[in-house]
Amino acid sequence: MASFDAVDHTKFDLERTIASIKKVSADTTSFEFVVTAHLRMSGVYWGLTAMALLGKDLKTEMNSDDIVEWVMTCFDESVGGFCGNVDHDPHMLYTLSALQILALCGALDRVDRDKVEQFIVGLQHEDGSVMGDKWGEIDTRFSYCAIQALAIIDRLPASMVSKPINAEGETKRFDVPLAVSFVAACKNFDGGFGAGTFVLTGVLVLCLFLRCDIYSTFICADV
């Protein structure tokens, strides 16, 4: 193996990058693999996305058919969310990663969209914030995950106006305007947005505004 100093770091080495991704994906006996078991779904997504960006065939290079089957074993039918790994709890983060994987692999037809939508809807509070799971952690990144996940399964409400549920038995939908209002309330004095109200600035929130096509309304205005 070439030493660190012997490698030309001014050039992108495609083959070494591919080999590294495959090695990490196949190394199931390392300490790192074991202690990150609960993050597996997102890790698989990162690996698949990297290979897709490199123009590689996911079926032949990453055994994507087997990955799809594994993803489906992580689906909790009782609540409609995906887990980070088999026998773990369903979570908003891993639900998005699972949907992204299935989209990359052309397997969104395997998704029970009604159940997934209601799982996401059930995580939204009355103030528009979104929990990561049933344990109640609030974070604006979960707001982004919810909106992105709903967009992937074509369940993102088209209306930008909050609509109360009036009819008996009417299906509850994710309230995008409320979600946006919560995120807008997380704007800090430095112009950035935090993970919640009165929380230090992060960068992910901008993605939510861009996803909702409301950049000019909330970012350019003096919120």
C-alpha atoms as a PDB file:
ATOM      1  CA  MET A   1       0.000   0.000   0.000  1.00  0.00           C
ATOM      2  CA  ALA A   2       1.321   3.436  -0.907  1.00  0.00           C
ATOM      3  CA  SER A   3       2.269   5.701   1.973  1.00  0.00           C
ATOM      4  CA  PHE A   4       0.323   8.897   2.633  1.00  0.00           C
ATOM      5  CA  ASP A   5       3.166  11.046   1.301  1.00  0.00           C
ATOM      6  CA  ALA A   6       3.434   8.956  -1.887  1.00  0.00           C
ATOM      7  CA  VAL A   7      -0.154   9.721  -2.924  1.00  0.00           C
ATOM      8  CA  ASP A   8      -0.838  12.689  -5.182  1.00  0.00           C
ATOM      9  CA  HIS A   9      -3.526  14.528  -3.194  1.00  0.00           C
ATOM     10  CA  THR A  10      -4.096  17.082  -5.939  1.00  0.00           C
ATOM     11  CA  LYS A  11      -5.930  14.502  -8.067  1.00  0.00           C
ATOM     12  CA  PHE A  12      -9.137  12.614  -7.392  1.00  0.00           C
ATOM     13  CA  ASP A  13      -8.424   8.872  -7.385  1.00  0.00           C
ATOM     14  CA  LEU A  14     -11.673   7.288  -8.570  1.00  0.00           C
ATOM     15  CA  GLU A  15     -10.657   3.671  -8.142  1.00  0.00           C
ATOM     16  CA  ARG A  16      -9.292   4.172  -4.618  1.00  0.00           C
ATOM     17  CA  THR A  17     -12.491   5.959  -3.642  1.00  0.00           C
ATOM     18  CA  ILE A  18     -14.665   3.136  -4.973  1.00  0.00           C
ATOM     19  CA  ALA A  19     -12.499   0.556  -3.236  1.00  0.00           C
ATOM     20  CA  SER A  20     -12.793   2.466   0.038  1.00  0.00           C
ATOM     21  CA  ILE A  21     -16.602   2.633  -0.167  1.00  0.00           C
ATOM     22  CA  LYS A  22     -16.817  -1.082  -0.907  1.00  0.00           C
ATOM     23  CA  LYS A  23     -14.421  -1.960   1.909  1.00  0.00           C
ATOM     24  CA  VAL A  24     -16.390  -0.004   4.477  1.00  0.00           C
ATOM     25  CA  SER A  25     -19.643  -1.558   3.235  1.00  0.00           C
ATOM     26  CA  ALA A  26     -18.283  -5.108   3.420  1.00  0.00           C
ATOM     27  CA  ASP A  27     -16.332  -4.874   6.687  1.00  0.00           C
ATOM     28  CA  THR A  28     -18.877  -6.275   9.157  1.00  0.00           C
ATOM     29  CA  THR A  29     -16.386  -7.371  11.814  1.00  0.00           C
ATOM     30  CA  SER A  30     -14.743  -4.054  12.655  1.00  0.00           C
ATOM     31  CA  PHE A  31     -15.272  -2.194  15.923  1.00  0.00           C
ATOM     32  CA  GLU A  32     -16.636   0.778  13.983  1.00  0.00           C
ATOM     33  CA  PHE A  33     -19.261  -1.400  12.275  1.00  0.00           C
ATOM     34  CA  VAL A  34     -20.526  -2.720  15.594  1.00  0.00           C
ATOM     35  CA  VAL A  35     -20.743   0.591  17.459  1.00  0.00           C
ATOM     36  CA  THR A  36     -22.548   2.302  14.565  1.00  0.00           C
ATOM     37  CA  ALA A  37     -25.212  -0.396  14.170  1.00  0.00           C
ATOM     38  CA  HIS A  38     -27.977   2.064  15.038  1.00  0.00           C
ATOM     39  CA  LEU A  39     -26.807   4.382  12.218  1.00  0.00           C
ATOM     40  CA  ARG A  40     -26.699   1.675   9.558  1.00  0.00           C
ATOM     41  CA  MET A  41     -29.580   2.972   7.428  1.00  0.00           C
ATOM     42  CA  SER A  42     -28.009   6.380   6.943  1.00  0.00           C
ATOM     43  CA  GLY A  43     -24.591   4.817   6.346  1.00  0.00           C
ATOM     44  CA  VAL A  44     -25.993   2.651   3.574  1.00  0.00           C
ATOM     45  CA  TYR A  45     -27.603   5.711   2.021  1.00  0.00           C
ATOM     46  CA  TRP A  46     -24.306   7.621   2.049  1.00  0.00           C
ATOM     47  CA  GLY A  47     -22.479   4.708   0.428  1.00  0.00           C
ATOM     48  CA  LEU A  48     -25.109   4.191  -2.272  1.00  0.00           C
ATOM     49  CA  THR A  49     -25.318   7.899  -3.028  1.00  0.00           C
ATOM     50  CA  ALA A  50     -21.549   8.164  -3.357  1.00  0.00           C
ATOM     51  CA  MET A  51     -21.489   5.263  -5.816  1.00  0.00           C
ATOM     52  CA  ALA A  52     -24.428   6.722  -7.767  1.00  0.00           C
ATOM     53  CA  LEU A  53     -22.648  10.084  -7.998  1.00  0.00           C
ATOM     54  CA  LEU A  54     -19.627   8.257  -9.372  1.00  0.00           C
ATOM     55  CA  GLY A  55     -21.817   6.805 -12.108  1.00  0.00           C
ATOM     56  CA  LYS A  56     -21.639   3.210 -10.904  1.00  0.00           C
ATOM     57  CA  ASP A  57     -24.305   0.552 -11.390  1.00  0.00           C
ATOM     58  CA  LEU A  58     -25.762  -0.030  -7.925  1.00  0.00           C
ATOM     59  CA  LYS A  59     -26.955  -3.544  -8.729  1.00  0.00           C
ATOM     60  CA  THR A  60     -23.582  -4.872  -9.797  1.00  0.00           C
ATOM     61  CA  GLU A  61     -21.360  -2.744  -7.581  1.00  0.00           C
ATOM     62  CA  MET A  62     -23.389  -2.628  -4.355  1.00  0.00           C
ATOM     63  CA  ASN A  63     -25.883  -5.515  -4.589  1.00  0.00           C
ATOM     64  CA  SER A  64     -28.748  -3.047  -4.391  1.00  0.00           C
ATOM     65  CA  ASP A  65     -31.424  -5.761  -4.643  1.00  0.00           C
ATOM     66  CA  ASP A  66     -30.201  -7.243  -1.359  1.00  0.00           C
ATOM     67  CA  ILE A  67     -30.045  -3.774   0.163  1.00  0.00           C
ATOM     68  CA  VAL A  68     -33.694  -3.149  -0.740  1.00  0.00           C
ATOM     69  CA  GLU A  69     -34.706  -6.368   1.007  1.00  0.00           C
ATOM     70  CA  TRP A  70     -32.728  -5.354   4.094  1.00  0.00           C
ATOM     71  CA  VAL A  71     -34.327  -1.895   4.120  1.00  0.00           C
ATOM     72  CA  MET A  72     -37.785  -3.464   4.086  1.00  0.00           C
ATOM     73  CA  THR A  73     -36.890  -5.625   7.109  1.00  0.00           C
ATOM     74  CA  CYS A  74     -36.289  -2.348   8.958  1.00  0.00           C
ATOM     75  CA  PHE A  75     -39.848  -1.144   8.328  1.00  0.00           C
ATOM     76  CA  ASP A  76     -42.050  -1.118  11.426  1.00  0.00           C
ATOM     77  CA  GLU A  77     -45.518  -1.836  10.072  1.00  0.00           C
ATOM     78  CA  SER A  78     -47.132  -1.084  13.427  1.00  0.00           C
ATOM     79  CA  VAL A  79     -46.228   2.610  13.230  1.00  0.00           C
ATOM     80  CA  GLY A  80     -45.193   3.189   9.605  1.00  0.00           C
ATOM     81  CA  GLY A  81     -41.598   4.286  10.149  1.00  0.00           C
ATOM     82  CA  PHE A  82     -38.208   2.828   9.266  1.00  0.00           C
ATOM     83  CA  CYS A  83     -35.562   1.916  11.827  1.00  0.00           C
ATOM     84  CA  GLY A  84     -31.837   2.564  11.702  1.00  0.00           C
ATOM     85  CA  ASN A  85     -31.285  -1.188  11.717  1.00  0.00           C
ATOM     86  CA  VAL A  86     -33.179  -4.412  12.348  1.00  0.00           C
ATOM     87  CA  ASP A  87     -34.751  -4.537  15.835  1.00  0.00           C
ATOM     88  CA  HIS A  88     -34.199  -0.826  16.482  1.00  0.00           C
ATOM     89  CA  ASP A  89     -36.852   1.875  16.991  1.00  0.00           C
ATOM     90  CA  PRO A  90     -38.319   3.733  13.990  1.00  0.00           C
ATOM     91  CA  HIS A  91     -37.054   7.289  13.606  1.00  0.00           C
ATOM     92  CA  MET A  92     -37.600  10.247  11.297  1.00  0.00           C
ATOM     93  CA  LEU A  93     -33.939  10.376  10.248  1.00  0.00           C
ATOM     94  CA  TYR A  94     -33.826   6.738   9.177  1.00  0.00           C
ATOM     95  CA  THR A  95     -37.228   6.900   7.555  1.00  0.00           C
ATOM     96  CA  LEU A  96     -35.870   9.550   5.202  1.00  0.00           C
ATOM     97  CA  SER A  97     -32.678   7.555   4.581  1.00  0.00           C
ATOM     98  CA  ALA A  98     -34.723   4.430   3.839  1.00  0.00           C
ATOM     99  CA  LEU A  99     -36.916   6.277   1.346  1.00  0.00           C
ATOM    100  CA  GLN A 100     -33.843   7.798  -0.306  1.00  0.00           C
ATOM    101  CA  ILE A 101     -32.295   4.338  -0.650  1.00  0.00           C
ATOM    102  CA  LEU A 102     -35.471   2.894  -2.151  1.00  0.00           C
ATOM    103  CA  ALA A 103     -35.667   5.829  -4.554  1.00  0.00           C
ATOM    104  CA  LEU A 104     -32.042   5.307  -5.631  1.00  0.00           C
ATOM    105  CA  CYS A 105     -32.762   1.611  -6.193  1.00  0.00           C
ATOM    106  CA  GLY A 106     -36.035   2.199  -8.052  1.00  0.00           C
ATOM    107  CA  ALA A 107     -38.043   0.419  -5.370  1.00  0.00           C
ATOM    108  CA  LEU A 108     -40.439   3.062  -4.049  1.00  0.00           C
ATOM    109  CA  ASP A 109     -43.280   0.767  -5.097  1.00  0.00           C
ATOM    110  CA  ARG A 110     -42.429  -1.302  -1.999  1.00  0.00           C
ATOM    111  CA  VAL A 111     -43.427   1.567   0.292  1.00  0.00           C
ATOM    112  CA  ASP A 112     -46.764   1.703   2.128  1.00  0.00           C
ATOM    113  CA  ARG A 113     -47.177   5.415   1.535  1.00  0.00           C
ATOM    114  CA  ASP A 114     -50.254   5.803   3.713  1.00  0.00           C
ATOM    115  CA  LYS A 115     -48.520   4.332   6.750  1.00  0.00           C
ATOM    116  CA  VAL A 116     -45.329   6.304   6.207  1.00  0.00           C
ATOM    117  CA  GLU A 117     -47.270   9.534   5.786  1.00  0.00           C
ATOM    118  CA  GLN A 118     -49.216   9.014   8.998  1.00  0.00           C
ATOM    119  CA  PHE A 119     -46.028   8.136  10.885  1.00  0.00           C
ATOM    120  CA  ILE A 120     -44.566  11.484   9.839  1.00  0.00           C
ATOM    121  CA  VAL A 121     -47.788  13.392  10.524  1.00  0.00           C
ATOM    122  CA  GLY A 122     -47.917  11.858  13.995  1.00  0.00           C
ATOM    123  CA  LEU A 123     -44.513  13.329  14.831  1.00  0.00           C
ATOM    124  CA  GLN A 124     -45.604  16.930  14.223  1.00  0.00           C
ATOM    125  CA  HIS A 125     -46.572  19.064  17.217  1.00  0.00           C
ATOM    126  CA  GLU A 126     -49.243  21.750  17.262  1.00  0.00           C
ATOM    127  CA  ASP A 127     -46.552  24.445  17.060  1.00  0.00           C
ATOM    128  CA  GLY A 128     -45.281  22.916  13.796  1.00  0.00           C
ATOM    129  CA  SER A 129     -42.134  21.350  15.243  1.00  0.00           C
ATOM    130  CA  VAL A 130     -41.298  17.732  14.437  1.00  0.00           C
ATOM    131  CA  MET A 131     -40.099  15.017  16.795  1.00  0.00           C
ATOM    132  CA  GLY A 132     -37.482  12.500  15.752  1.00  0.00           C
ATOM    133  CA  ASP A 133     -39.401   9.631  17.296  1.00  0.00           C
ATOM    134  CA  LYS A 134     -41.844   8.778  20.087  1.00  0.00           C
ATOM    135  CA  TRP A 135     -39.342   9.890  22.734  1.00  0.00           C
ATOM    136  CA  GLY A 136     -39.923  13.514  21.831  1.00  0.00           C
ATOM    137  CA  GLU A 137     -36.633  15.112  20.765  1.00  0.00           C
ATOM    138  CA  ILE A 138     -37.323  18.271  18.741  1.00  0.00           C
ATOM    139  CA  ASP A 139     -34.897  19.464  16.071  1.00  0.00           C
ATOM    140  CA  THR A 140     -35.271  21.501  12.883  1.00  0.00           C
ATOM    141  CA  ARG A 141     -33.401  18.781  10.991  1.00  0.00           C
ATOM    142  CA  PHE A 142     -36.406  16.554  11.672  1.00  0.00           C
ATOM    143  CA  SER A 143     -38.578  19.215  10.030  1.00  0.00           C
ATOM    144  CA  TYR A 144     -36.399  18.962   6.940  1.00  0.00           C
ATOM    145  CA  CYS A 145     -36.476  15.149   7.019  1.00  0.00           C
ATOM    146  CA  ALA A 146     -40.266  15.127   7.292  1.00  0.00           C
ATOM    147  CA  ILE A 147     -40.779  17.467   4.351  1.00  0.00           C
ATOM    148  CA  GLN A 148     -38.192  15.729   2.178  1.00  0.00           C
ATOM    149  CA  ALA A 149     -39.633  12.287   2.976  1.00  0.00           C
ATOM    150  CA  LEU A 150     -43.169  13.399   2.153  1.00  0.00           C
ATOM    151  CA  ALA A 151     -41.930  14.876  -1.123  1.00  0.00           C
ATOM    152  CA  ILE A 152     -40.266  11.573  -2.067  1.00  0.00           C
ATOM    153  CA  ILE A 153     -43.517   9.631  -1.635  1.00  0.00           C
ATOM    154  CA  ASP A 154     -45.598  12.403  -3.264  1.00  0.00           C
ATOM    155  CA  ARG A 155     -47.461  13.218  -0.061  1.00  0.00           C
ATOM    156  CA  LEU A 156     -46.271  16.775   0.490  1.00  0.00           C
ATOM    157  CA  PRO A 157     -49.422  18.928   0.731  1.00  0.00           C
ATOM    158  CA  ALA A 158     -49.675  21.361  -2.164  1.00  0.00           C
ATOM    159  CA  SER A 159     -51.441  24.022  -0.112  1.00  0.00           C
ATOM    160  CA  MET A 160     -49.297  26.540   1.764  1.00  0.00           C
ATOM    161  CA  VAL A 161     -52.288  27.467   3.934  1.00  0.00           C
ATOM    162  CA  SER A 162     -53.048  25.598   7.160  1.00  0.00           C
ATOM    163  CA  LYS A 163     -56.295  23.666   6.879  1.00  0.00           C
ATOM    164  CA  PRO A 164     -58.117  22.502  10.013  1.00  0.00           C
ATOM    165  CA  ILE A 165     -59.684  19.046   9.981  1.00  0.00           C
ATOM    166  CA  ASN A 166     -63.456  19.428  10.046  1.00  0.00           C
ATOM    167  CA  ALA A 167     -65.032  16.316   8.580  1.00  0.00           C
ATOM    168  CA  GLU A 168     -65.242  13.238  10.787  1.00  0.00           C
ATOM    169  CA  GLY A 169     -62.753  10.625   9.633  1.00  0.00           C
ATOM    170  CA  GLU A 170     -60.839  13.108   7.469  1.00  0.00           C
ATOM    171  CA  THR A 171     -57.191  12.107   7.168  1.00  0.00           C
ATOM    172  CA  LYS A 172     -54.803  14.442   8.948  1.00  0.00           C
ATOM    173  CA  ARG A 173     -52.089  15.900   6.716  1.00  0.00           C
ATOM    174  CA  PHE A 174     -48.696  17.349   7.522  1.00  0.00           C
ATOM    175  CA  ASP A 175     -49.025  21.083   8.137  1.00  0.00           C
ATOM    176  CA  VAL A 176     -46.319  22.718   6.027  1.00  0.00           C
ATOM    177  CA  PRO A 177     -47.138  26.337   6.993  1.00  0.00           C
ATOM    178  CA  LEU A 178     -46.905  25.445  10.687  1.00  0.00           C
ATOM    179  CA  ALA A 179     -43.598  23.676  10.098  1.00  0.00           C
ATOM    180  CA  VAL A 180     -42.285  26.745   8.316  1.00  0.00           C
ATOM    181  CA  SER A 181     -43.493  29.035  11.110  1.00  0.00           C
ATOM    182  CA  PHE A 182     -41.663  26.941  13.695  1.00  0.00           C
ATOM    183  CA  VAL A 183     -38.440  27.025  11.696  1.00  0.00           C
ATOM    184  CA  ALA A 184     -38.797  30.771  11.160  1.00  0.00           C
ATOM    185  CA  ALA A 185     -39.052  31.139  14.943  1.00  0.00           C
ATOM    186  CA  CYS A 186     -35.651  29.440  15.216  1.00  0.00           C
ATOM    187  CA  LYS A 187     -33.880  32.305  13.454  1.00  0.00           C
ATOM    188  CA  ASN A 188     -31.046  33.743  15.525  1.00  0.00           C
ATOM    189  CA  PHE A 189     -29.581  37.241  15.864  1.00  0.00           C
ATOM    190  CA  ASP A 190     -26.741  36.310  13.492  1.00  0.00           C
ATOM    191  CA  GLY A 191     -29.178  35.533  10.675  1.00  0.00           C
ATOM    192  CA  GLY A 192     -28.764  31.755  10.932  1.00  0.00           C
ATOM    193  CA  PHE A 193     -31.142  29.119  12.254  1.00  0.00           C
ATOM    194  CA  GLY A 194     -30.754  26.778  15.209  1.00  0.00           C
ATOM    195  CA  ALA A 195     -32.024  23.269  15.921  1.00  0.00           C
ATOM    196  CA  GLY A 196     -34.829  24.848  17.933  1.00  0.00           C
ATOM    197  CA  THR A 197     -35.896  28.156  19.406  1.00  0.00           C
ATOM    198  CA  PHE A 198     -33.075  29.827  21.384  1.00  0.00           C
ATOM    199  CA  VAL A 199     -30.536  27.301  20.049  1.00  0.00           C
ATOM    200  CA  LEU A 200     -27.210  28.073  18.372  1.00  0.00           C
ATOM    201  CA  THR A 201     -27.134  28.460  14.595  1.00  0.00           C
ATOM    202  CA  GLY A 202     -26.790  25.480  12.229  1.00  0.00           C
ATOM    203  CA  VAL A 203     -26.914  25.209   8.430  1.00  0.00           C
ATOM    204  CA  LEU A 204     -29.423  22.447   7.617  1.00  0.00           C
ATOM    205  CA  VAL A 205     -32.509  24.595   8.024  1.00  0.00           C
ATOM    206  CA  LEU A 206     -31.859  26.441   4.764  1.00  0.00           C
ATOM    207  CA  CYS A 207     -32.496  23.164   2.926  1.00  0.00           C
ATOM    208  CA  LEU A 208     -36.026  23.059   4.355  1.00  0.00           C
ATOM    209  CA  PHE A 209     -36.823  26.546   3.104  1.00  0.00           C
ATOM    210  CA  LEU A 210     -35.489  25.721  -0.346  1.00  0.00           C
ATOM    211  CA  ARG A 211     -37.480  22.465  -0.386  1.00  0.00           C
ATOM    212  CA  CYS A 212     -40.653  24.411   0.368  1.00  0.00           C
ATOM    213  CA  ASP A 213     -39.911  27.082  -2.259  1.00  0.00           C
ATOM    214  CA  ILE A 214     -40.283  29.815   0.348  1.00  0.00           C
ATOM    215  CA  TYR A 215     -36.760  31.182   0.442  1.00  0.00           C
ATOM    216  CA  SER A 216     -37.785  34.683  -0.631  1.00  0.00           C
ATOM    217  CA  THR A 217     -40.669  34.804   1.853  1.00  0.00           C
ATOM    218  CA  PHE A 218     -38.800  33.929   5.033  1.00  0.00           C
ATOM    219  CA  ILE A 219     -35.074  34.317   4.403  1.00  0.00           C
ATOM    220  CA  CYS A 220     -35.130  37.630   2.572  1.00  0.00           C
ATOM    221  CA  ALA A 221     -37.749  39.081   4.897  1.00  0.00           C
ATOM    222  CA  ASP A 222     -36.818  40.411   8.327  1.00  0.00           C
ATOM    223  CA  VAL A 223     -38.176  37.488  10.334  1.00  0.00           C
END
